[in-house]
Every structure is written in structure tokens, then in C-alpha cells.
Amino acid sequence: MDLIEEALEFEKAKMSHMSTSDRVKASREAKRIILALNEVYKESKDANIMDIMKRLTAKKKRIEIRLKGRPDPGF
């Protein structure tokens, strides 16, 4: 399955020193891969696919936190 290989390759990619546009592209790519894996998961119910989706979702959330910026504590 080339989709799983693509997901694993995205997971291993370094996300440091990225521009804002690169972060947006990475977030969209993660979303695309997660949704495609979800369609495969619906058919197979393979736990490995669910684990990959969870890890990609965590990475996507980290990217989006960096995009939005840290909330101001409001002191």
C-alpha cells in the first residue's frame, strides 16, 4: 500500500525551520493523508492504520499550534 508508505514518510519528515507557507502545506498534506487512511480503515478495521492516523493527527496538531501561535497568558 503506497498510502501507508506515504504516511510513514510524512511522519518521519523533519518539521523544523519551515516557513509559514510550508507549514500550511504540511498541515493540508497531513489532513489529506489522514482522510485517505480513514477510508481504508473503514473497510479493513486494521488497528495499525488507526495507530498511523493517531500519530499523524498528533503531528498535524503540533504544526497547527505553531501556525496559530501560542496563546498569550494575559498577565
PDB file of N, CA and C in Angstrom:
ATOM      1  N   MET A   1       0.842  -1.190   0.000  1.00  0.00           N
ATOM      2  CA  MET A   1       0.000   0.000   0.000  1.00  0.00           C
ATOM      3  C   MET A   1       0.879   1.243   0.000  1.00  0.00           C
ATOM      4  N   ASP A   2       0.829   1.988  -1.056  1.00  0.00           N
ATOM      5  CA  ASP A   2       1.649   3.185  -1.147  1.00  0.00           C
ATOM      6  C   ASP A   2       1.136   4.311  -0.253  1.00  0.00           C
ATOM      7  N   LEU A   3      -0.130   4.278   0.115  1.00  0.00           N
ATOM      8  CA  LEU A   3      -0.687   5.302   1.008  1.00  0.00           C
ATOM      9  C   LEU A   3      -0.064   5.197   2.401  1.00  0.00           C
ATOM     10  N   ILE A   4       0.102   3.983   2.885  1.00  0.00           N
ATOM     11  CA  ILE A   4       0.733   3.788   4.201  1.00  0.00           C
ATOM     12  C   ILE A   4       2.194   4.208   4.150  1.00  0.00           C
ATOM     13  N   GLU A   5       2.867   3.877   3.060  1.00  0.00           N
ATOM     14  CA  GLU A   5       4.263   4.292   2.906  1.00  0.00           C
ATOM     15  C   GLU A   5       4.372   5.817   2.879  1.00  0.00           C
ATOM     16  N   GLU A   6       3.435   6.464   2.195  1.00  0.00           N
ATOM     17  CA  GLU A   6       3.421   7.924   2.138  1.00  0.00           C
ATOM     18  C   GLU A   6       3.190   8.519   3.525  1.00  0.00           C
ATOM     19  N   ALA A   7       2.303   7.891   4.291  1.00  0.00           N
ATOM     20  CA  ALA A   7       2.025   8.361   5.650  1.00  0.00           C
ATOM     21  C   ALA A   7       3.257   8.214   6.532  1.00  0.00           C
ATOM     22  N   LEU A   8       3.942   7.093   6.437  1.00  0.00           N
ATOM     23  CA  LEU A   8       5.140   6.870   7.244  1.00  0.00           C
ATOM     24  C   LEU A   8       6.256   7.836   6.839  1.00  0.00           C
ATOM     25  N   GLU A   9       6.364   8.113   5.547  1.00  0.00           N
ATOM     26  CA  GLU A   9       7.369   9.063   5.077  1.00  0.00           C
ATOM     27  C   GLU A   9       7.065  10.466   5.599  1.00  0.00           C
ATOM     28  N   PHE A  10       5.782  10.859   5.589  1.00  0.00           N
ATOM     29  CA  PHE A  10       5.392  12.169   6.121  1.00  0.00           C
ATOM     30  C   PHE A  10       5.685  12.239   7.607  1.00  0.00           C
ATOM     31  N   GLU A  11       5.440  11.144   8.309  1.00  0.00           N
ATOM     32  CA  GLU A  11       5.669  11.113   9.759  1.00  0.00           C
ATOM     33  C   GLU A  11       7.147  11.303  10.098  1.00  0.00           C
ATOM     34  N   LYS A  12       8.028  10.773   9.258  1.00  0.00           N
ATOM     35  CA  LYS A  12       9.466  10.868   9.514  1.00  0.00           C
ATOM     36  C   LYS A  12      10.056  12.207   9.086  1.00  0.00           C
ATOM     37  N   ALA A  13       9.329  12.976   8.283  1.00  0.00           N
ATOM     38  CA  ALA A  13       9.857  14.235   7.750  1.00  0.00           C
ATOM     39  C   ALA A  13      10.112  15.226   8.875  1.00  0.00           C
ATOM     40  N   LYS A  14      11.198  15.967   8.731  1.00  0.00           N
ATOM     41  CA  LYS A  14      11.547  16.994   9.711  1.00  0.00           C
ATOM     42  C   LYS A  14      10.640  18.206   9.511  1.00  0.00           C
ATOM     43  N   MET A  15      10.183  18.765  10.607  1.00  0.00           N
ATOM     44  CA  MET A  15       9.288  19.906  10.532  1.00  0.00           C
ATOM     45  C   MET A  15       9.924  21.169  11.114  1.00  0.00           C
ATOM     46  N   SER A  16      11.214  21.138  11.362  1.00  0.00           N
ATOM     47  CA  SER A  16      11.875  22.320  11.910  1.00  0.00           C
ATOM     48  C   SER A  16      12.323  23.239  10.775  1.00  0.00           C
ATOM     49  N   HIS A  17      12.443  24.520  11.087  1.00  0.00           N
ATOM     50  CA  HIS A  17      12.905  25.540  10.138  1.00  0.00           C
ATOM     51  C   HIS A  17      12.028  25.616   8.898  1.00  0.00           C
ATOM     52  N   MET A  18      10.709  25.522   9.103  1.00  0.00           N
ATOM     53  CA  MET A  18       9.783  25.619   7.986  1.00  0.00           C
ATOM     54  C   MET A  18       9.195  27.026   7.931  1.00  0.00           C
ATOM     55  N   SER A  19       8.932  27.487   6.726  1.00  0.00           N
ATOM     56  CA  SER A  19       8.252  28.773   6.573  1.00  0.00           C
ATOM     57  C   SER A  19       6.762  28.563   6.865  1.00  0.00           C
ATOM     58  N   THR A  20       6.047  29.657   6.988  1.00  0.00           N
ATOM     59  CA  THR A  20       4.616  29.568   7.266  1.00  0.00           C
ATOM     60  C   THR A  20       3.891  28.850   6.138  1.00  0.00           C
ATOM     61  N   SER A  21       4.243  29.155   4.910  1.00  0.00           N
ATOM     62  CA  SER A  21       3.576  28.503   3.778  1.00  0.00           C
ATOM     63  C   SER A  21       3.891  27.006   3.757  1.00  0.00           C
ATOM     64  N   ASP A  22       5.103  26.626   4.153  1.00  0.00           N
ATOM     65  CA  ASP A  22       5.447  25.206   4.233  1.00  0.00           C
ATOM     66  C   ASP A  22       4.628  24.513   5.312  1.00  0.00           C
ATOM     67  N   ARG A  23       4.394  25.208   6.420  1.00  0.00           N
ATOM     68  CA  ARG A  23       3.573  24.638   7.491  1.00  0.00           C
ATOM     69  C   ARG A  23       2.128  24.441   7.046  1.00  0.00           C
ATOM     70  N   VAL A  24       1.603  25.400   6.300  1.00  0.00           N
ATOM     71  CA  VAL A  24       0.240  25.276   5.783  1.00  0.00           C
ATOM     72  C   VAL A  24       0.153  24.081   4.833  1.00  0.00           C
ATOM     73  N   LYS A  25       1.127  23.957   3.951  1.00  0.00           N
ATOM     74  CA  LYS A  25       1.153  22.829   3.014  1.00  0.00           C
ATOM     75  C   LYS A  25       1.244  21.504   3.767  1.00  0.00           C
ATOM     76  N   ALA A  26       2.088  21.460   4.803  1.00  0.00           N
ATOM     77  CA  ALA A  26       2.252  20.231   5.578  1.00  0.00           C
ATOM     78  C   ALA A  26       0.961  19.871   6.306  1.00  0.00           C
ATOM     79  N   SER A  27       0.279  20.867   6.839  1.00  0.00           N
ATOM     80  CA  SER A  27      -0.984  20.623   7.533  1.00  0.00           C
ATOM     81  C   SER A  27      -2.033  20.070   6.578  1.00  0.00           C
ATOM     82  N   ARG A  28      -2.104  20.647   5.397  1.00  0.00           N
ATOM     83  CA  ARG A  28      -3.066  20.171   4.388  1.00  0.00           C
ATOM     84  C   ARG A  28      -2.723  18.770   3.909  1.00  0.00           C
ATOM     85  N   GLU A  29      -1.435  18.512   3.733  1.00  0.00           N
ATOM     86  CA  GLU A  29      -0.996  17.186   3.310  1.00  0.00           C
ATOM     87  C   GLU A  29      -1.340  16.145   4.372  1.00  0.00           C
ATOM     88  N   ALA A  30      -1.121  16.488   5.646  1.00  0.00           N
ATOM     89  CA  ALA A  30      -1.459  15.572   6.737  1.00  0.00           C
ATOM     90  C   ALA A  30      -2.957  15.284   6.735  1.00  0.00           C
ATOM     91  N   LYS A  31      -3.761  16.312   6.543  1.00  0.00           N
ATOM     92  CA  LYS A  31      -5.212  16.129   6.519  1.00  0.00           C
ATOM     93  C   LYS A  31      -5.609  15.207   5.376  1.00  0.00           C
ATOM     94  N   ARG A  32      -5.012  15.412   4.203  1.00  0.00           N
ATOM     95  CA  ARG A  32      -5.325  14.580   3.039  1.00  0.00           C
ATOM     96  C   ARG A  32      -4.988  13.110   3.305  1.00  0.00           C
ATOM     97  N   ILE A  33      -3.808  12.879   3.883  1.00  0.00           N
ATOM     98  CA  ILE A  33      -3.379  11.509   4.162  1.00  0.00           C
ATOM     99  C   ILE A  33      -4.281  10.868   5.218  1.00  0.00           C
ATOM    100  N   ILE A  34      -4.613  11.622   6.266  1.00  0.00           N
ATOM    101  CA  ILE A  34      -5.456  11.085   7.335  1.00  0.00           C
ATOM    102  C   ILE A  34      -6.825  10.695   6.797  1.00  0.00           C
ATOM    103  N   LEU A  35      -7.415  11.557   5.981  1.00  0.00           N
ATOM    104  CA  LEU A  35      -8.739  11.243   5.426  1.00  0.00           C
ATOM    105  C   LEU A  35      -8.693  10.043   4.487  1.00  0.00           C
ATOM    106  N   ALA A  36      -7.623   9.930   3.704  1.00  0.00           N
ATOM    107  CA  ALA A  36      -7.490   8.782   2.812  1.00  0.00           C
ATOM    108  C   ALA A  36      -7.307   7.494   3.619  1.00  0.00           C
ATOM    109  N   LEU A  37      -6.497   7.567   4.669  1.00  0.00           N
ATOM    110  CA  LEU A  37      -6.321   6.394   5.529  1.00  0.00           C
ATOM    111  C   LEU A  37      -7.621   6.017   6.222  1.00  0.00           C
ATOM    112  N   ASN A  38      -8.420   7.010   6.575  1.00  0.00           N
ATOM    113  CA  ASN A  38      -9.694   6.744   7.228  1.00  0.00           C
ATOM    114  C   ASN A  38     -10.614   5.932   6.320  1.00  0.00           C
ATOM    115  N   GLU A  39     -10.613   6.240   5.032  1.00  0.00           N
ATOM    116  CA  GLU A  39     -11.436   5.481   4.088  1.00  0.00           C
ATOM    117  C   GLU A  39     -10.979   4.015   4.029  1.00  0.00           C
ATOM    118  N   VAL A  40      -9.668   3.807   4.050  1.00  0.00           N
ATOM    119  CA  VAL A  40      -9.140   2.438   4.048  1.00  0.00           C
ATOM    120  C   VAL A  40      -9.494   1.746   5.366  1.00  0.00           C
ATOM    121  N   TYR A  41      -9.394   2.494   6.468  1.00  0.00           N
ATOM    122  CA  TYR A  41      -9.684   1.917   7.786  1.00  0.00           C
ATOM    123  C   TYR A  41     -11.140   1.480   7.894  1.00  0.00           C
ATOM    124  N   LYS A  42     -12.048   2.242   7.309  1.00  0.00           N
ATOM    125  CA  LYS A  42     -13.467   1.893   7.361  1.00  0.00           C
ATOM    126  C   LYS A  42     -13.727   0.509   6.778  1.00  0.00           C
ATOM    127  N   GLU A  43     -12.945   0.138   5.762  1.00  0.00           N
ATOM    128  CA  GLU A  43     -13.131  -1.148   5.101  1.00  0.00           C
ATOM    129  C   GLU A  43     -12.420  -2.280   5.845  1.00  0.00           C
ATOM    130  N   SER A  44     -11.198  -2.010   6.317  1.00  0.00           N
ATOM    131  CA  SER A  44     -10.373  -3.099   6.850  1.00  0.00           C
ATOM    132  C   SER A  44     -10.408  -3.231   8.367  1.00  0.00           C
ATOM    133  N   LYS A  45     -10.685  -2.136   9.093  1.00  0.00           N
ATOM    134  CA  LYS A  45     -10.667  -2.124  10.564  1.00  0.00           C
ATOM    135  C   LYS A  45      -9.321  -2.590  11.111  1.00  0.00           C
ATOM    136  N   ASP A  46      -8.246  -2.241  10.399  1.00  0.00           N
ATOM    137  CA  ASP A  46      -6.889  -2.625  10.800  1.00  0.00           C
ATOM    138  C   ASP A  46      -6.386  -1.664  11.878  1.00  0.00           C
ATOM    139  N   ALA A  47      -5.970  -2.210  13.007  1.00  0.00           N
ATOM    140  CA  ALA A  47      -5.506  -1.385  14.126  1.00  0.00           C
ATOM    141  C   ALA A  47      -4.228  -0.621  13.773  1.00  0.00           C
ATOM    142  N   ASN A  48      -3.396  -1.168  12.897  1.00  0.00           N
ATOM    143  CA  ASN A  48      -2.166  -0.475  12.504  1.00  0.00           C
ATOM    144  C   ASN A  48      -2.481   0.833  11.789  1.00  0.00           C
ATOM    145  N   ILE A  49      -3.515   0.824  10.962  1.00  0.00           N
ATOM    146  CA  ILE A  49      -3.903   2.038  10.250  1.00  0.00           C
ATOM    147  C   ILE A  49      -4.393   3.090  11.241  1.00  0.00           C
ATOM    148  N   MET A  50      -5.142   2.650  12.251  1.00  0.00           N
ATOM    149  CA  MET A  50      -5.624   3.588  13.272  1.00  0.00           C
ATOM    150  C   MET A  50      -4.452   4.204  14.024  1.00  0.00           C
ATOM    151  N   ASP A  51      -3.440   3.415  14.340  1.00  0.00           N
ATOM    152  CA  ASP A  51      -2.258   3.933  15.027  1.00  0.00           C
ATOM    153  C   ASP A  51      -1.537   4.983  14.181  1.00  0.00           C
ATOM    154  N   ILE A  52      -1.420   4.721  12.883  1.00  0.00           N
ATOM    155  CA  ILE A  52      -0.772   5.675  11.989  1.00  0.00           C
ATOM    156  C   ILE A  52      -1.576   6.974  11.947  1.00  0.00           C
ATOM    157  N   MET A  53      -2.902   6.851  11.859  1.00  0.00           N
ATOM    158  CA  MET A  53      -3.751   8.049  11.827  1.00  0.00           C
ATOM    159  C   MET A  53      -3.610   8.860  13.112  1.00  0.00           C
ATOM    160  N   LYS A  54      -3.515   8.194  14.248  1.00  0.00           N
ATOM    161  CA  LYS A  54      -3.355   8.896  15.523  1.00  0.00           C
ATOM    162  C   LYS A  54      -2.039   9.658  15.568  1.00  0.00           C
ATOM    163  N   ARG A  55      -0.960   9.030  15.108  1.00  0.00           N
ATOM    164  CA  ARG A  55       0.344   9.693  15.120  1.00  0.00           C
ATOM    165  C   ARG A  55       0.365  10.885  14.167  1.00  0.00           C
ATOM    166  N   LEU A  56      -0.246  10.727  12.983  1.00  0.00           N
ATOM    167  CA  LEU A  56      -0.292  11.834  12.035  1.00  0.00           C
ATOM    168  C   LEU A  56      -1.143  12.977  12.561  1.00  0.00           C
ATOM    169  N   THR A  57      -2.230  12.644  13.247  1.00  0.00           N
ATOM    170  CA  THR A  57      -3.082  13.677  13.826  1.00  0.00           C
ATOM    171  C   THR A  57      -2.321  14.467  14.880  1.00  0.00           C
ATOM    172  N   ALA A  58      -1.529  13.784  15.689  1.00  0.00           N
ATOM    173  CA  ALA A  58      -0.726  14.472  16.706  1.00  0.00           C
ATOM    174  C   ALA A  58       0.287  15.408  16.042  1.00  0.00           C
ATOM    175  N   LYS A  59       0.912  14.950  14.974  1.00  0.00           N
ATOM    176  CA  LYS A  59       1.890  15.785  14.263  1.00  0.00           C
ATOM    177  C   LYS A  59       1.188  16.982  13.622  1.00  0.00           C
ATOM    178  N   LYS A  60       0.016  16.765  13.062  1.00  0.00           N
ATOM    179  CA  LYS A  60      -0.758  17.843  12.452  1.00  0.00           C
ATOM    180  C   LYS A  60      -1.143  18.886  13.491  1.00  0.00           C
ATOM    181  N   LYS A  61      -1.519  18.442  14.680  1.00  0.00           N
ATOM    182  CA  LYS A  61      -1.878  19.380  15.743  1.00  0.00           C
ATOM    183  C   LYS A  61      -0.684  20.229  16.156  1.00  0.00           C
ATOM    184  N   ARG A  62       0.506  19.620  16.223  1.00  0.00           N
ATOM    185  CA  ARG A  62       1.709  20.382  16.562  1.00  0.00           C
ATOM    186  C   ARG A  62       1.993  21.446  15.511  1.00  0.00           C
ATOM    187  N   ILE A  63       1.810  21.090  14.240  1.00  0.00           N
ATOM    188  CA  ILE A  63       2.029  22.051  13.153  1.00  0.00           C
ATOM    189  C   ILE A  63       1.037  23.204  13.270  1.00  0.00           C
ATOM    190  N   GLU A  64      -0.229  22.881  13.541  1.00  0.00           N
ATOM    191  CA  GLU A  64      -1.254  23.919  13.614  1.00  0.00           C
ATOM    192  C   GLU A  64      -1.075  24.817  14.832  1.00  0.00           C
ATOM    193  N   ILE A  65      -0.599  24.268  15.942  1.00  0.00           N
ATOM    194  CA  ILE A  65      -0.306  25.103  17.111  1.00  0.00           C
ATOM    195  C   ILE A  65       0.770  26.114  16.745  1.00  0.00           C
ATOM    196  N   ARG A  66       1.774  25.674  16.026  1.00  0.00           N
ATOM    197  CA  ARG A  66       2.849  26.568  15.608  1.00  0.00           C
ATOM    198  C   ARG A  66       2.323  27.633  14.639  1.00  0.00           C
ATOM    199  N   LEU A  67       1.386  27.250  13.780  1.00  0.00           N
ATOM    200  CA  LEU A  67       0.817  28.212  12.834  1.00  0.00           C
ATOM    201  C   LEU A  67      -0.002  29.293  13.543  1.00  0.00           C
ATOM    202  N   LYS A  68      -0.813  28.875  14.491  1.00  0.00           N
ATOM    203  CA  LYS A  68      -1.699  29.812  15.176  1.00  0.00           C
ATOM    204  C   LYS A  68      -0.961  30.633  16.215  1.00  0.00           C
ATOM    205  N   GLY A  69       0.140  30.146  16.681  1.00  0.00           N
ATOM    206  CA  GLY A  69       0.897  30.827  17.728  1.00  0.00           C
ATOM    207  C   GLY A  69       0.417  30.393  19.104  1.00  0.00           C
ATOM    208  N   ARG A  70       1.236  30.594  20.061  1.00  0.00           N
ATOM    209  CA  ARG A  70       0.900  30.232  21.431  1.00  0.00           C
ATOM    210  C   ARG A  70      -0.046  31.278  22.011  1.00  0.00           C
ATOM    211  N   PRO A  71      -1.040  30.859  22.778  1.00  0.00           N
ATOM    212  CA  PRO A  71      -1.938  31.858  23.381  1.00  0.00           C
ATOM    213  C   PRO A  71      -1.213  32.688  24.434  1.00  0.00           C
ATOM    214  N   ASP A  72      -1.557  33.952  24.509  1.00  0.00           N
ATOM    215  CA  ASP A  72      -0.969  34.873  25.468  1.00  0.00           C
ATOM    216  C   ASP A  72      -1.536  34.564  26.861  1.00  0.00           C
ATOM    217  N   PRO A  73      -0.680  34.421  27.884  1.00  0.00           N
ATOM    218  CA  PRO A  73      -1.211  34.096  29.202  1.00  0.00           C
ATOM    219  C   PRO A  73      -2.063  35.219  29.790  1.00  0.00           C
ATOM    220  N   GLY A  74      -1.968  36.416  29.289  1.00  0.00           N
ATOM    221  CA  GLY A  74      -2.815  37.521  29.719  1.00  0.00           C
ATOM    222  C   GLY A  74      -2.494  38.105  31.073  1.00  0.00           C
ATOM    223  N   PHE A  75      -1.241  38.211  31.406  1.00  0.00           N
ATOM    224  CA  PHE A  75      -0.846  38.772  32.705  1.00  0.00           C
ATOM    225  C   PHE A  75      -1.140  40.214  32.785  1.00  0.00           C
TER     226      PHE A  75
END
